Amino acid sequence: MQPAQALVQHAGVSCDAGITRDVTFRKMDRDSWDAKSLALEIARKGVTVNTISPGYIGTSMAMAIPREVLDGKIIPQIPVGRLGKPEEVAGLVAYLASEEAAFVTGANIAINGGQHMQ
């Protein structure tokens, strides 16, 4: 058996939320669709292509948001009631890159604590 080959793209929460504030977010949304096209094109070669769309993750960028905004406006919108952890996102990427995920391709997986349920 040949080793798993996988491409995992980060698209951002805007793909699931329908946020199109600027060209960066619109490009990320388009890239999610490009990943699906690529997944169709190379699936028979044993390569999976998936996109992840993290929500608010407790990184330096999210932690720079004023605490009163986090506590008063952002966290109340997240059903699990907290920011995600970087290691949770890393775990998803590790899974998608593993042999166990060899049947997962063309997916956009939201990792956002339920903030933008599909």
PDB file of N, CA and C in Angstrom:
ATOM      1  N   MET A   1       0.839  -1.185   0.000  1.00  0.00           N
ATOM      2  CA  MET A   1       0.000   0.000   0.000  1.00  0.00           C
ATOM      3  C   MET A   1       0.881   1.245   0.000  1.00  0.00           C
ATOM      4  N   GLN A   2       0.545   2.195  -0.844  1.00  0.00           N
ATOM      5  CA  GLN A   2       1.347   3.420  -0.882  1.00  0.00           C
ATOM      6  C   GLN A   2       0.927   4.366   0.228  1.00  0.00           C
ATOM      7  N   PRO A   3       1.842   5.203   0.711  1.00  0.00           N
ATOM      8  CA  PRO A   3       1.492   6.122   1.793  1.00  0.00           C
ATOM      9  C   PRO A   3       0.454   7.144   1.343  1.00  0.00           C
ATOM     10  N   ALA A   4      -0.308   7.638   2.315  1.00  0.00           N
ATOM     11  CA  ALA A   4      -1.328   8.654   2.022  1.00  0.00           C
ATOM     12  C   ALA A   4      -0.667   9.928   1.510  1.00  0.00           C
ATOM     13  N   GLN A   5      -1.332  10.543   0.560  1.00  0.00           N
ATOM     14  CA  GLN A   5      -0.893  11.840   0.066  1.00  0.00           C
ATOM     15  C   GLN A   5      -2.075  12.781   0.207  1.00  0.00           C
ATOM     16  N   ALA A   6      -1.832  13.913   0.838  1.00  0.00           N
ATOM     17  CA  ALA A   6      -2.949  14.807   1.118  1.00  0.00           C
ATOM     18  C   ALA A   6      -2.541  16.261   1.015  1.00  0.00           C
ATOM     19  N   LEU A   7      -3.471  17.061   0.524  1.00  0.00           N
ATOM     20  CA  LEU A   7      -3.344  18.512   0.541  1.00  0.00           C
ATOM     21  C   LEU A   7      -4.430  19.018   1.478  1.00  0.00           C
ATOM     22  N   VAL A   8      -4.044  19.836   2.442  1.00  0.00           N
ATOM     23  CA  VAL A   8      -5.019  20.427   3.363  1.00  0.00           C
ATOM     24  C   VAL A   8      -4.850  21.934   3.282  1.00  0.00           C
ATOM     25  N   GLN A   9      -5.918  22.598   2.889  1.00  0.00           N
ATOM     26  CA  GLN A   9      -5.903  24.044   2.695  1.00  0.00           C
ATOM     27  C   GLN A   9      -6.673  24.721   3.820  1.00  0.00           C
ATOM     28  N   HIS A  10      -6.187  25.862   4.254  1.00  0.00           N
ATOM     29  CA  HIS A  10      -6.861  26.671   5.267  1.00  0.00           C
ATOM     30  C   HIS A  10      -7.671  27.726   4.544  1.00  0.00           C
ATOM     31  N   ALA A  11      -8.990  27.702   4.739  1.00  0.00           N
ATOM     32  CA  ALA A  11      -9.840  28.667   4.037  1.00  0.00           C
ATOM     33  C   ALA A  11     -10.392  29.747   4.946  1.00  0.00           C
ATOM     34  N   GLY A  12     -10.521  29.495   6.203  1.00  0.00           N
ATOM     35  CA  GLY A  12     -11.062  30.498   7.112  1.00  0.00           C
ATOM     36  C   GLY A  12     -12.561  30.365   7.284  1.00  0.00           C
ATOM     37  N   VAL A  13     -13.048  30.930   8.344  1.00  0.00           N
ATOM     38  CA  VAL A  13     -14.454  30.827   8.713  1.00  0.00           C
ATOM     39  C   VAL A  13     -15.363  31.499   7.705  1.00  0.00           C
ATOM     40  N   SER A  14     -14.868  32.433   6.921  1.00  0.00           N
ATOM     41  CA  SER A  14     -15.723  33.167   5.980  1.00  0.00           C
ATOM     42  C   SER A  14     -16.372  32.250   4.952  1.00  0.00           C
ATOM     43  N   CYS A  15     -15.758  31.136   4.650  1.00  0.00           N
ATOM     44  CA  CYS A  15     -16.342  30.215   3.678  1.00  0.00           C
ATOM     45  C   CYS A  15     -17.661  29.656   4.170  1.00  0.00           C
ATOM     46  N   ASP A  16     -17.782  29.414   5.470  1.00  0.00           N
ATOM     47  CA  ASP A  16     -19.012  28.866   6.023  1.00  0.00           C
ATOM     48  C   ASP A  16     -19.995  29.946   6.428  1.00  0.00           C
ATOM     49  N   ALA A  17     -19.481  31.085   6.830  1.00  0.00           N
ATOM     50  CA  ALA A  17     -20.344  32.137   7.358  1.00  0.00           C
ATOM     51  C   ALA A  17     -20.925  33.023   6.268  1.00  0.00           C
ATOM     52  N   GLY A  18     -20.373  32.955   5.069  1.00  0.00           N
ATOM     53  CA  GLY A  18     -20.825  33.828   4.001  1.00  0.00           C
ATOM     54  C   GLY A  18     -20.325  35.249   4.154  1.00  0.00           C
ATOM     55  N   ILE A  19     -19.229  35.418   4.853  1.00  0.00           N
ATOM     56  CA  ILE A  19     -18.657  36.747   5.056  1.00  0.00           C
ATOM     57  C   ILE A  19     -17.802  37.090   3.842  1.00  0.00           C
ATOM     58  N   THR A  20     -18.062  38.224   3.240  1.00  0.00           N
ATOM     59  CA  THR A  20     -17.257  38.661   2.103  1.00  0.00           C
ATOM     60  C   THR A  20     -16.900  40.123   2.297  1.00  0.00           C
ATOM     61  N   ARG A  21     -16.077  40.386   3.301  1.00  0.00           N
ATOM     62  CA  ARG A  21     -15.750  41.764   3.641  1.00  0.00           C
ATOM     63  C   ARG A  21     -14.712  42.384   2.727  1.00  0.00           C
ATOM     64  N   ASP A  22     -13.801  41.612   2.239  1.00  0.00           N
ATOM     65  CA  ASP A  22     -12.766  42.180   1.391  1.00  0.00           C
ATOM     66  C   ASP A  22     -12.253  41.119   0.436  1.00  0.00           C
ATOM     67  N   VAL A  23     -11.339  41.509  -0.402  1.00  0.00           N
ATOM     68  CA  VAL A  23     -10.844  40.603  -1.429  1.00  0.00           C
ATOM     69  C   VAL A  23     -10.173  39.364  -0.836  1.00  0.00           C
ATOM     70  N   THR A  24      -9.537  39.494   0.310  1.00  0.00           N
ATOM     71  CA  THR A  24      -8.891  38.333   0.934  1.00  0.00           C
ATOM     72  C   THR A  24      -9.914  37.268   1.257  1.00  0.00           C
ATOM     73  N   PHE A  25     -11.032  37.651   1.863  1.00  0.00           N
ATOM     74  CA  PHE A  25     -12.051  36.675   2.216  1.00  0.00           C
ATOM     75  C   PHE A  25     -12.716  36.092   0.981  1.00  0.00           C
ATOM     76  N   ARG A  26     -12.945  36.912  -0.048  1.00  0.00           N
ATOM     77  CA  ARG A  26     -13.544  36.379  -1.272  1.00  0.00           C
ATOM     78  C   ARG A  26     -12.605  35.385  -1.936  1.00  0.00           C
ATOM     79  N   LYS A  27     -11.293  35.662  -1.909  1.00  0.00           N
ATOM     80  CA  LYS A  27     -10.331  34.737  -2.487  1.00  0.00           C
ATOM     81  C   LYS A  27     -10.331  33.418  -1.710  1.00  0.00           C
ATOM     82  N   MET A  28     -10.396  33.487  -0.375  1.00  0.00           N
ATOM     83  CA  MET A  28     -10.398  32.265   0.424  1.00  0.00           C
ATOM     84  C   MET A  28     -11.635  31.431   0.114  1.00  0.00           C
ATOM     85  N   ASP A  29     -12.788  32.078  -0.098  1.00  0.00           N
ATOM     86  CA  ASP A  29     -14.006  31.363  -0.436  1.00  0.00           C
ATOM     87  C   ASP A  29     -13.848  30.679  -1.792  1.00  0.00           C
ATOM     88  N   ARG A  30     -13.277  31.392  -2.757  1.00  0.00           N
ATOM     89  CA  ARG A  30     -13.048  30.809  -4.081  1.00  0.00           C
ATOM     90  C   ARG A  30     -12.077  29.641  -3.992  1.00  0.00           C
ATOM     91  N   ASP A  31     -11.057  29.773  -3.157  1.00  0.00           N
ATOM     92  CA  ASP A  31     -10.077  28.698  -3.016  1.00  0.00           C
ATOM     93  C   ASP A  31     -10.722  27.425  -2.501  1.00  0.00           C
ATOM     94  N   SER A  32     -11.748  27.551  -1.662  1.00  0.00           N
ATOM     95  CA  SER A  32     -12.459  26.375  -1.180  1.00  0.00           C
ATOM     96  C   SER A  32     -13.070  25.619  -2.353  1.00  0.00           C
ATOM     97  N   TRP A  33     -13.656  26.356  -3.310  1.00  0.00           N
ATOM     98  CA  TRP A  33     -14.225  25.705  -4.495  1.00  0.00           C
ATOM     99  C   TRP A  33     -13.128  25.149  -5.394  1.00  0.00           C
ATOM    100  N   ASP A  34     -12.001  25.856  -5.512  1.00  0.00           N
ATOM    101  CA  ASP A  34     -10.882  25.353  -6.295  1.00  0.00           C
ATOM    102  C   ASP A  34     -10.380  24.027  -5.727  1.00  0.00           C
ATOM    103  N   ALA A  35     -10.377  23.895  -4.399  1.00  0.00           N
ATOM    104  CA  ALA A  35      -9.938  22.660  -3.757  1.00  0.00           C
ATOM    105  C   ALA A  35     -10.850  21.504  -4.151  1.00  0.00           C
ATOM    106  N   LYS A  36     -12.142  21.757  -4.257  1.00  0.00           N
ATOM    107  CA  LYS A  36     -13.074  20.702  -4.670  1.00  0.00           C
ATOM    108  C   LYS A  36     -12.787  20.265  -6.103  1.00  0.00           C
ATOM    109  N   SER A  37     -12.514  21.223  -6.961  1.00  0.00           N
ATOM    110  CA  SER A  37     -12.184  20.891  -8.348  1.00  0.00           C
ATOM    111  C   SER A  37     -10.902  20.071  -8.415  1.00  0.00           C
ATOM    112  N   LEU A  38      -9.903  20.484  -7.651  1.00  0.00           N
ATOM    113  CA  LEU A  38      -8.645  19.745  -7.616  1.00  0.00           C
ATOM    114  C   LEU A  38      -8.857  18.343  -7.053  1.00  0.00           C
ATOM    115  N   ALA A  39      -9.697  18.220  -6.026  1.00  0.00           N
ATOM    116  CA  ALA A  39      -9.984  16.913  -5.441  1.00  0.00           C
ATOM    117  C   ALA A  39     -10.559  15.969  -6.490  1.00  0.00           C
ATOM    118  N   LEU A  40     -11.473  16.464  -7.304  1.00  0.00           N
ATOM    119  CA  LEU A  40     -12.046  15.642  -8.377  1.00  0.00           C
ATOM    120  C   LEU A  40     -10.984  15.222  -9.389  1.00  0.00           C
ATOM    121  N   GLU A  41     -10.105  16.159  -9.690  1.00  0.00           N
ATOM    122  CA  GLU A  41      -9.098  15.920 -10.715  1.00  0.00           C
ATOM    123  C   GLU A  41      -8.051  14.885 -10.309  1.00  0.00           C
ATOM    124  N   ILE A  42      -7.654  14.864  -9.043  1.00  0.00           N
ATOM    125  CA  ILE A  42      -6.528  13.999  -8.658  1.00  0.00           C
ATOM    126  C   ILE A  42      -6.887  12.856  -7.712  1.00  0.00           C
ATOM    127  N   ALA A  43      -8.169  12.673  -7.439  1.00  0.00           N
ATOM    128  CA  ALA A  43      -8.587  11.605  -6.516  1.00  0.00           C
ATOM    129  C   ALA A  43      -8.096  10.235  -6.967  1.00  0.00           C
ATOM    130  N   ARG A  44      -8.167   9.935  -8.227  1.00  0.00           N
ATOM    131  CA  ARG A  44      -7.760   8.607  -8.724  1.00  0.00           C
ATOM    132  C   ARG A  44      -6.261   8.374  -8.609  1.00  0.00           C
ATOM    133  N   LYS A  45      -5.515   9.418  -8.339  1.00  0.00           N
ATOM    134  CA  LYS A  45      -4.070   9.273  -8.148  1.00  0.00           C
ATOM    135  C   LYS A  45      -3.734   9.019  -6.686  1.00  0.00           C
ATOM    136  N   GLY A  46      -4.758   8.887  -5.838  1.00  0.00           N
ATOM    137  CA  GLY A  46      -4.530   8.596  -4.434  1.00  0.00           C
ATOM    138  C   GLY A  46      -4.216   9.811  -3.587  1.00  0.00           C
ATOM    139  N   VAL A  47      -4.544  10.992  -4.093  1.00  0.00           N
ATOM    140  CA  VAL A  47      -4.273  12.228  -3.353  1.00  0.00           C
ATOM    141  C   VAL A  47      -5.613  12.819  -2.909  1.00  0.00           C
ATOM    142  N   THR A  48      -5.715  13.134  -1.630  1.00  0.00           N
ATOM    143  CA  THR A  48      -6.915  13.787  -1.129  1.00  0.00           C
ATOM    144  C   THR A  48      -6.672  15.288  -1.021  1.00  0.00           C
ATOM    145  N   VAL A  49      -7.733  16.054  -1.212  1.00  0.00           N
ATOM    146  CA  VAL A  49      -7.662  17.514  -1.125  1.00  0.00           C
ATOM    147  C   VAL A  49      -8.839  17.960  -0.271  1.00  0.00           C
ATOM    148  N   ASN A  50      -8.542  18.606   0.839  1.00  0.00           N
ATOM    149  CA  ASN A  50      -9.580  19.077   1.743  1.00  0.00           C
ATOM    150  C   ASN A  50      -9.260  20.485   2.221  1.00  0.00           C
ATOM    151  N   THR A  51     -10.289  21.157   2.687  1.00  0.00           N
ATOM    152  CA  THR A  51     -10.151  22.515   3.206  1.00  0.00           C
ATOM    153  C   THR A  51     -10.657  22.532   4.639  1.00  0.00           C
ATOM    154  N   ILE A  52      -9.960  23.262   5.496  1.00  0.00           N
ATOM    155  CA  ILE A  52     -10.457  23.482   6.849  1.00  0.00           C
ATOM    156  C   ILE A  52     -10.834  24.953   6.988  1.00  0.00           C
ATOM    157  N   SER A  53     -11.870  25.202   7.753  1.00  0.00           N
ATOM    158  CA  SER A  53     -12.341  26.568   7.993  1.00  0.00           C
ATOM    159  C   SER A  53     -12.427  26.803   9.496  1.00  0.00           C
ATOM    160  N   PRO A  54     -11.314  27.197  10.107  1.00  0.00           N
ATOM    161  CA  PRO A  54     -11.355  27.452  11.553  1.00  0.00           C
ATOM    162  C   PRO A  54     -12.149  28.708  11.880  1.00  0.00           C
ATOM    163  N   GLY A  55     -12.776  28.669  13.025  1.00  0.00           N
ATOM    164  CA  GLY A  55     -13.434  29.854  13.564  1.00  0.00           C
ATOM    165  C   GLY A  55     -12.437  30.615  14.418  1.00  0.00           C
ATOM    166  N   TYR A  56     -12.921  31.166  15.517  1.00  0.00           N
ATOM    167  CA  TYR A  56     -12.048  31.898  16.429  1.00  0.00           C
ATOM    168  C   TYR A  56     -11.191  30.915  17.212  1.00  0.00           C
ATOM    169  N   ILE A  57      -9.897  30.999  17.006  1.00  0.00           N
ATOM    170  CA  ILE A  57      -8.926  30.123  17.663  1.00  0.00           C
ATOM    171  C   ILE A  57      -8.077  30.988  18.590  1.00  0.00           C
ATOM    172  N   GLY A  58      -7.747  30.471  19.754  1.00  0.00           N
ATOM    173  CA  GLY A  58      -7.001  31.225  20.764  1.00  0.00           C
ATOM    174  C   GLY A  58      -5.552  31.456  20.392  1.00  0.00           C
ATOM    175  N   THR A  59      -5.335  32.150  19.301  1.00  0.00           N
ATOM    176  CA  THR A  59      -3.991  32.511  18.850  1.00  0.00           C
ATOM    177  C   THR A  59      -3.726  33.966  19.240  1.00  0.00           C
ATOM    178  N   SER A  60      -2.536  34.436  18.959  1.00  0.00           N
ATOM    179  CA  SER A  60      -2.211  35.824  19.296  1.00  0.00           C
ATOM    180  C   SER A  60      -3.130  36.802  18.572  1.00  0.00           C
ATOM    181  N   MET A  61      -3.579  36.453  17.379  1.00  0.00           N
ATOM    182  CA  MET A  61      -4.478  37.329  16.645  1.00  0.00           C
ATOM    183  C   MET A  61      -5.820  37.468  17.373  1.00  0.00           C
ATOM    184  N   ALA A  62      -6.417  36.363  17.774  1.00  0.00           N
ATOM    185  CA  ALA A  62      -7.701  36.426  18.484  1.00  0.00           C
ATOM    186  C   ALA A  62      -7.533  37.029  19.872  1.00  0.00           C
ATOM    187  N   MET A  63      -6.422  36.740  20.524  1.00  0.00           N
ATOM    188  CA  MET A  63      -6.216  37.256  21.876  1.00  0.00           C
ATOM    189  C   MET A  63      -5.927  38.767  21.875  1.00  0.00           C
ATOM    190  N   ALA A  64      -5.650  39.331  20.698  1.00  0.00           N
ATOM    191  CA  ALA A  64      -5.447  40.779  20.594  1.00  0.00           C
ATOM    192  C   ALA A  64      -6.775  41.531  20.571  1.00  0.00           C
ATOM    193  N   ILE A  65      -7.869  40.792  20.380  1.00  0.00           N
ATOM    194  CA  ILE A  65      -9.196  41.418  20.422  1.00  0.00           C
ATOM    195  C   ILE A  65      -9.459  41.816  21.877  1.00  0.00           C
ATOM    196  N   PRO A  66      -9.953  43.013  22.109  1.00  0.00           N
ATOM    197  CA  PRO A  66     -10.221  43.425  23.490  1.00  0.00           C
ATOM    198  C   PRO A  66     -11.082  42.399  24.233  1.00  0.00           C
ATOM    199  N   ARG A  67     -10.719  42.124  25.463  1.00  0.00           N
ATOM    200  CA  ARG A  67     -11.387  41.097  26.277  1.00  0.00           C
ATOM    201  C   ARG A  67     -12.897  41.325  26.348  1.00  0.00           C
ATOM    202  N   GLU A  68     -13.322  42.592  26.475  1.00  0.00           N
ATOM    203  CA  GLU A  68     -14.756  42.856  26.577  1.00  0.00           C
ATOM    204  C   GLU A  68     -15.493  42.505  25.279  1.00  0.00           C
ATOM    205  N   VAL A  69     -14.809  42.610  24.142  1.00  0.00           N
ATOM    206  CA  VAL A  69     -15.407  42.220  22.861  1.00  0.00           C
ATOM    207  C   VAL A  69     -15.474  40.694  22.771  1.00  0.00           C
ATOM    208  N   LEU A  70     -14.383  40.025  23.148  1.00  0.00           N
ATOM    209  CA  LEU A  70     -14.389  38.558  23.153  1.00  0.00           C
ATOM    210  C   LEU A  70     -15.508  38.022  24.038  1.00  0.00           C
ATOM    211  N   ASP A  71     -15.539  38.486  25.277  1.00  0.00           N
ATOM    212  CA  ASP A  71     -16.504  37.977  26.251  1.00  0.00           C
ATOM    213  C   ASP A  71     -17.936  38.420  25.969  1.00  0.00           C
ATOM    214  N   GLY A  72     -18.096  39.621  25.436  1.00  0.00           N
ATOM    215  CA  GLY A  72     -19.435  40.160  25.254  1.00  0.00           C
ATOM    216  C   GLY A  72     -20.073  39.895  23.910  1.00  0.00           C
ATOM    217  N   LYS A  73     -19.263  39.734  22.862  1.00  0.00           N
ATOM    218  CA  LYS A  73     -19.828  39.607  21.521  1.00  0.00           C
ATOM    219  C   LYS A  73     -19.439  38.328  20.786  1.00  0.00           C
ATOM    220  N   ILE A  74     -18.219  37.873  20.946  1.00  0.00           N
ATOM    221  CA  ILE A  74     -17.746  36.740  20.143  1.00  0.00           C
ATOM    222  C   ILE A  74     -18.054  35.407  20.808  1.00  0.00           C
ATOM    223  N   ILE A  75     -17.585  35.207  22.010  1.00  0.00           N
ATOM    224  CA  ILE A  75     -17.770  33.914  22.678  1.00  0.00           C
ATOM    225  C   ILE A  75     -19.251  33.554  22.850  1.00  0.00           C
ATOM    226  N   PRO A  76     -20.149  34.508  23.131  1.00  0.00           N
ATOM    227  CA  PRO A  76     -21.571  34.139  23.213  1.00  0.00           C
ATOM    228  C   PRO A  76     -22.151  33.588  21.906  1.00  0.00           C
ATOM    229  N   GLN A  77     -21.501  33.850  20.773  1.00  0.00           N
ATOM    230  CA  GLN A  77     -21.964  33.324  19.479  1.00  0.00           C
ATOM    231  C   GLN A  77     -21.442  31.922  19.192  1.00  0.00           C
ATOM    232  N   ILE A  78     -20.555  31.417  20.043  1.00  0.00           N
ATOM    233  CA  ILE A  78     -19.953  30.096  19.836  1.00  0.00           C
ATOM    234  C   ILE A  78     -20.665  29.108  20.761  1.00  0.00           C
ATOM    235  N   PRO A  79     -21.429  28.162  20.211  1.00  0.00           N
ATOM    236  CA  PRO A  79     -22.206  27.258  21.045  1.00  0.00           C
ATOM    237  C   PRO A  79     -21.416  26.518  22.132  1.00  0.00           C
ATOM    238  N   VAL A  80     -20.155  26.176  21.885  1.00  0.00           N
ATOM    239  CA  VAL A  80     -19.387  25.483  22.928  1.00  0.00           C
ATOM    240  C   VAL A  80     -18.878  26.440  23.995  1.00  0.00           C
ATOM    241  N   GLY A  81     -19.028  27.754  23.784  1.00  0.00           N
ATOM    242  CA  GLY A  81     -18.734  28.740  24.798  1.00  0.00           C
ATOM    243  C   GLY A  81     -17.271  29.060  25.037  1.00  0.00           C
ATOM    244  N   ARG A  82     -16.427  28.866  24.030  1.00  0.00           N
ATOM    245  CA  ARG A  82     -15.000  29.173  24.183  1.00  0.00           C
ATOM    246  C   ARG A  82     -14.350  29.303  22.821  1.00  0.00           C
ATOM    247  N   LEU A  83     -13.116  29.822  22.819  1.00  0.00           N
ATOM    248  CA  LEU A  83     -12.307  29.841  21.605  1.00  0.00           C
ATOM    249  C   LEU A  83     -11.758  28.437  21.374  1.00  0.00           C
ATOM    250  N   GLY A  84     -11.456  28.147  20.115  1.00  0.00           N
ATOM    251  CA  GLY A  84     -10.795  26.890  19.811  1.00  0.00           C
ATOM    252  C   GLY A  84      -9.336  26.937  20.225  1.00  0.00           C
ATOM    253  N   LYS A  85      -8.724  25.772  20.293  1.00  0.00           N
ATOM    254  CA  LYS A  85      -7.308  25.678  20.645  1.00  0.00           C
ATOM    255  C   LYS A  85      -6.505  25.349  19.390  1.00  0.00           C
ATOM    256  N   PRO A  86      -5.319  25.943  19.241  1.00  0.00           N
ATOM    257  CA  PRO A  86      -4.489  25.631  18.071  1.00  0.00           C
ATOM    258  C   PRO A  86      -4.257  24.128  17.912  1.00  0.00           C
ATOM    259  N   GLU A  87      -4.103  23.417  19.012  1.00  0.00           N
ATOM    260  CA  GLU A  87      -3.856  21.971  18.910  1.00  0.00           C
ATOM    261  C   GLU A  87      -5.085  21.209  18.396  1.00  0.00           C
ATOM    262  N   GLU A  88      -6.279  21.789  18.560  1.00  0.00           N
ATOM    263  CA  GLU A  88      -7.472  21.156  17.990  1.00  0.00           C
ATOM    264  C   GLU A  88      -7.454  21.261  16.462  1.00  0.00           C
ATOM    265  N   VAL A  89      -7.037  22.418  15.962  1.00  0.00           N
ATOM    266  CA  VAL A  89      -6.905  22.603  14.517  1.00  0.00           C
ATOM    267  C   VAL A  89      -5.793  21.696  13.988  1.00  0.00           C
ATOM    268  N   ALA A  90      -4.675  21.644  14.697  1.00  0.00           N
ATOM    269  CA  ALA A  90      -3.555  20.789  14.285  1.00  0.00           C
ATOM    270  C   ALA A  90      -3.980  19.328  14.252  1.00  0.00           C
ATOM    271  N   GLY A  91      -4.803  18.908  15.202  1.00  0.00           N
ATOM    272  CA  GLY A  91      -5.286  17.527  15.226  1.00  0.00           C
ATOM    273  C   GLY A  91      -6.128  17.204  14.011  1.00  0.00           C
ATOM    274  N   LEU A  92      -6.963  18.159  13.590  1.00  0.00           N
ATOM    275  CA  LEU A  92      -7.777  17.951  12.391  1.00  0.00           C
ATOM    276  C   LEU A  92      -6.890  17.842  11.153  1.00  0.00           C
ATOM    277  N   VAL A  93      -5.906  18.725  11.051  1.00  0.00           N
ATOM    278  CA  VAL A  93      -4.986  18.675   9.905  1.00  0.00           C
ATOM    279  C   VAL A  93      -4.226  17.343   9.902  1.00  0.00           C
ATOM    280  N   ALA A  94      -3.757  16.915  11.069  1.00  0.00           N
ATOM    281  CA  ALA A  94      -3.034  15.639  11.154  1.00  0.00           C
ATOM    282  C   ALA A  94      -3.927  14.488  10.701  1.00  0.00           C
ATOM    283  N   TYR A  95      -5.181  14.507  11.120  1.00  0.00           N
ATOM    284  CA  TYR A  95      -6.103  13.454  10.691  1.00  0.00           C
ATOM    285  C   TYR A  95      -6.275  13.473   9.174  1.00  0.00           C
ATOM    286  N   LEU A  96      -6.527  14.654   8.607  1.00  0.00           N
ATOM    287  CA  LEU A  96      -6.753  14.746   7.162  1.00  0.00           C
ATOM    288  C   LEU A  96      -5.528  14.321   6.358  1.00  0.00           C
ATOM    289  N   ALA A  97      -4.354  14.454   6.940  1.00  0.00           N
ATOM    290  CA  ALA A  97      -3.125  14.053   6.257  1.00  0.00           C
ATOM    291  C   ALA A  97      -2.785  12.581   6.501  1.00  0.00           C
ATOM    292  N   SER A  98      -3.587  11.896   7.295  1.00  0.00           N
ATOM    293  CA  SER A  98      -3.280  10.510   7.667  1.00  0.00           C
ATOM    294  C   SER A  98      -3.944   9.502   6.733  1.00  0.00           C
ATOM    295  N   GLU A  99      -3.494   8.282   6.828  1.00  0.00           N
ATOM    296  CA  GLU A  99      -4.073   7.171   6.065  1.00  0.00           C
ATOM    297  C   GLU A  99      -5.534   6.941   6.466  1.00  0.00           C
ATOM    298  N   GLU A 100      -5.862   7.205   7.723  1.00  0.00           N
ATOM    299  CA  GLU A 100      -7.238   7.011   8.187  1.00  0.00           C
ATOM    300  C   GLU A 100      -8.233   7.900   7.456  1.00  0.00           C
ATOM    301  N   ALA A 101      -7.768   8.993   6.866  1.00  0.00           N
ATOM    302  CA  ALA A 101      -8.655   9.917   6.147  1.00  0.00           C
ATOM    303  C   ALA A 101      -8.549   9.752   4.635  1.00  0.00           C
ATOM    304  N   ALA A 102      -8.049   8.630   4.181  1.00  0.00           N
ATOM    305  CA  ALA A 102      -7.844   8.421   2.744  1.00  0.00           C
ATOM    306  C   ALA A 102      -9.141   8.444   1.937  1.00  0.00           C
ATOM    307  N   PHE A 103     -10.288   8.301   2.592  1.00  0.00           N
ATOM    308  CA  PHE A 103     -11.578   8.316   1.901  1.00  0.00           C
ATOM    309  C   PHE A 103     -12.264   9.675   2.016  1.00  0.00           C
ATOM    310  N   VAL A 104     -11.610  10.645   2.661  1.00  0.00           N
ATOM    311  CA  VAL A 104     -12.155  11.988   2.815  1.00  0.00           C
ATOM    312  C   VAL A 104     -11.478  12.886   1.791  1.00  0.00           C
ATOM    313  N   THR A 105     -12.241  13.376   0.833  1.00  0.00           N
ATOM    314  CA  THR A 105     -11.674  14.293  -0.154  1.00  0.00           C
ATOM    315  C   THR A 105     -12.756  15.226  -0.671  1.00  0.00           C
ATOM    316  N   GLY A 106     -12.363  16.443  -1.015  1.00  0.00           N
ATOM    317  CA  GLY A 106     -13.305  17.438  -1.507  1.00  0.00           C
ATOM    318  C   GLY A 106     -14.143  18.079  -0.419  1.00  0.00           C
ATOM    319  N   ALA A 107     -13.751  17.884   0.828  1.00  0.00           N
ATOM    320  CA  ALA A 107     -14.540  18.397   1.947  1.00  0.00           C
ATOM    321  C   ALA A 107     -14.017  19.744   2.434  1.00  0.00           C
ATOM    322  N   ASN A 108     -14.931  20.561   2.910  1.00  0.00           N
ATOM    323  CA  ASN A 108     -14.581  21.766   3.657  1.00  0.00           C
ATOM    324  C   ASN A 108     -15.073  21.508   5.076  1.00  0.00           C
ATOM    325  N   ILE A 109     -14.158  21.375   6.014  1.00  0.00           N
ATOM    326  CA  ILE A 109     -14.522  21.028   7.379  1.00  0.00           C
ATOM    327  C   ILE A 109     -14.408  22.255   8.274  1.00  0.00           C
ATOM    328  N   ALA A 110     -15.544  22.617   8.844  1.00  0.00           N
ATOM    329  CA  ALA A 110     -15.589  23.739   9.773  1.00  0.00           C
ATOM    330  C   ALA A 110     -15.134  23.261  11.145  1.00  0.00           C
ATOM    331  N   ILE A 111     -14.230  23.997  11.754  1.00  0.00           N
ATOM    332  CA  ILE A 111     -13.794  23.717  13.113  1.00  0.00           C
ATOM    333  C   ILE A 111     -13.955  25.026  13.886  1.00  0.00           C
ATOM    334  N   ASN A 112     -15.195  25.231  14.375  1.00  0.00           N
ATOM    335  CA  ASN A 112     -15.531  26.545  14.914  1.00  0.00           C
ATOM    336  C   ASN A 112     -16.434  26.482  16.145  1.00  0.00           C
ATOM    337  N   GLY A 113     -16.484  25.341  16.794  1.00  0.00           N
ATOM    338  CA  GLY A 113     -17.297  25.227  17.993  1.00  0.00           C
ATOM    339  C   GLY A 113     -18.786  25.335  17.740  1.00  0.00           C
ATOM    340  N   GLY A 114     -19.196  25.112  16.490  1.00  0.00           N
ATOM    341  CA  GLY A 114     -20.603  25.191  16.131  1.00  0.00           C
ATOM    342  C   GLY A 114     -21.078  26.570  15.745  1.00  0.00           C
ATOM    343  N   GLN A 115     -20.161  27.529  15.644  1.00  0.00           N
ATOM    344  CA  GLN A 115     -20.556  28.907  15.368  1.00  0.00           C
ATOM    345  C   GLN A 115     -21.299  29.040  14.048  1.00  0.00           C
ATOM    346  N   HIS A 116     -20.897  28.328  13.053  1.00  0.00           N
ATOM    347  CA  HIS A 116     -21.561  28.408  11.741  1.00  0.00           C
ATOM    348  C   HIS A 116     -21.943  27.013  11.302  1.00  0.00           C
ATOM    349  N   MET A 117     -22.938  26.441  11.965  1.00  0.00           N
ATOM    350  CA  MET A 117     -23.356  25.081  11.627  1.00  0.00           C
ATOM    351  C   MET A 117     -23.961  25.053  10.240  1.00  0.00           C
ATOM    352  N   GLN A 118     -23.617  23.986   9.504  1.00  0.00           N
ATOM    353  CA  GLN A 118     -24.101  23.868   8.136  1.00  0.00           C
ATOM    354  C   GLN A 118     -25.366  23.055   8.107  1.00  0.00           C
TER     355      GLN A 118
END
